[in-house]
Protein backbone atom coordinates (compact mmCIF):
# COMPACT_ATOMS: atom_id res chain seq x y z
CA MET A 1 142.49 102.28 114.31
CA ASN A 2 143.11 98.66 115.34
CA ASN A 3 143.45 97.16 111.86
CA VAL A 4 140.05 98.48 110.77
CA ASN A 5 139.79 99.47 107.12
CA THR A 6 139.80 103.25 107.17
CA GLY A 7 138.81 103.64 103.52
CA ASN A 8 139.68 107.06 102.18
CA VAL A 9 140.68 108.61 105.51
CA SER A 10 144.04 110.34 105.21
CA VAL A 11 146.92 109.71 107.57
CA ASP A 12 146.67 113.36 108.70
CA ASP A 13 143.01 112.89 109.61
CA MET A 14 143.81 109.67 111.49
CA LEU A 15 146.51 111.51 113.46
CA LYS A 16 144.03 114.27 114.31
CA LEU A 17 141.58 111.67 115.57
CA LYS A 18 144.36 110.04 117.61
CA GLY A 19 145.17 113.39 119.23
CA LEU A 20 141.51 113.99 120.09
CA LYS A 21 141.21 110.47 121.51
CA ASP A 22 144.35 110.91 123.62
CA ALA A 23 143.10 114.29 124.90
CA TRP A 24 139.75 112.79 125.94
CA GLU A 25 141.53 109.91 127.67
CA TYR A 26 143.70 112.41 129.53
CA VAL A 27 140.64 114.38 130.67
CA ILE A 28 138.78 111.24 131.76
CA ASN A 29 141.81 109.86 133.60
CA HIS A 30 142.34 113.19 135.41
CA VAL A 31 138.73 114.27 135.88
CA ASN A 32 139.19 114.90 139.60
CA GLU A 33 142.17 117.21 139.16
CA GLU A 34 141.82 120.93 139.57
CA LEU A 35 141.21 122.82 136.32
CA THR A 36 144.25 125.03 135.88
CA ILE A 37 145.99 126.78 133.03
CA ASP A 38 148.61 123.99 133.01
CA PHE A 39 145.85 121.36 132.79
CA ILE A 40 144.37 123.18 129.78
CA LYS A 41 147.81 123.40 128.16
CA LYS A 42 148.26 119.64 128.63
CA ILE A 43 144.96 119.01 126.84
CA HIS A 44 146.14 121.27 124.01
CA PHE A 45 149.37 119.28 123.84
CA GLU A 46 147.48 115.99 123.55
CA VAL A 47 145.12 117.30 120.86
CA CYS A 48 147.89 118.79 118.73
CA LYS A 49 150.90 116.52 119.34
CA CYS A 50 150.69 115.00 115.86
CA GLU A 51 150.24 118.39 114.17
CA SER A 52 152.80 120.95 113.11
CA ILE A 53 151.56 123.39 115.74
CA TYR A 54 153.96 125.76 117.44
CA PRO A 55 154.22 126.34 120.34
CA LEU A 56 152.80 122.94 121.24
CA GLY A 57 151.03 122.83 124.59
CA ASP A 58 151.51 126.52 125.23
CA PHE A 59 149.90 129.82 124.35
CA ARG A 60 150.32 130.86 120.73
CA ASP A 61 152.56 133.80 120.05
CA LYS A 62 151.33 134.77 116.58
CA ASP A 63 148.15 136.29 115.22
CA VAL A 64 145.65 133.90 113.62
CA GLY A 65 142.81 134.32 111.20
CA ILE A 66 139.49 132.56 110.94
CA THR A 67 138.08 131.80 107.51
CA VAL A 68 135.11 133.91 106.31
CA THR A 69 135.42 136.47 109.08
CA VAL A 70 137.52 139.52 109.80
CA TRP A 71 137.37 138.90 113.57
CA ARG A 72 140.71 138.03 115.15
CA PRO A 73 141.11 136.47 118.60
CA LYS A 74 143.35 138.30 121.02
CA LEU A 75 146.93 137.24 121.43
CA PRO A 76 147.61 135.56 124.78
CA SER A 77 149.75 138.53 125.77
CA GLU A 78 146.56 140.61 125.54
CA CYS A 79 144.56 138.23 127.76
CA ASP A 80 144.40 137.53 131.46
CA TYR A 81 143.79 133.79 131.35
CA ASP A 82 144.13 133.34 135.09
CA LYS A 83 141.32 135.83 135.68
CA GLU A 84 139.17 134.35 132.89
CA LEU A 85 139.57 130.83 134.30
CA LYS A 86 138.77 132.09 137.80
CA ASP A 87 135.61 133.77 136.43
CA VAL A 88 134.53 130.56 134.68
CA LEU A 89 135.16 128.44 137.76
CA SER A 90 133.26 130.85 140.01
CA ASN A 91 130.18 130.42 137.79
CA LYS A 92 130.02 126.63 137.95
CA LYS A 93 126.98 125.04 139.58
CA ASN A 94 127.43 122.93 142.69
């Protein structure tokens, strides 16, 4: 935050912003790299490295809930991320 007065911003919020900033810097500095599952995991690591997230930089292994909905995302063990990424990449415009 470079000695700027952050007012009422909590340390936790500043750490979240730092993680987002570091993730964007990683993406920008590696923009020409192939988009892979490992690349996506590295972005997750950068975003969450100041959080108490487990497993950091890897697929979650526990169920999660989303406030005000009963919908639950699939567990990674129920997903085929390689196929999903391949499908996304095959739809990109040239």
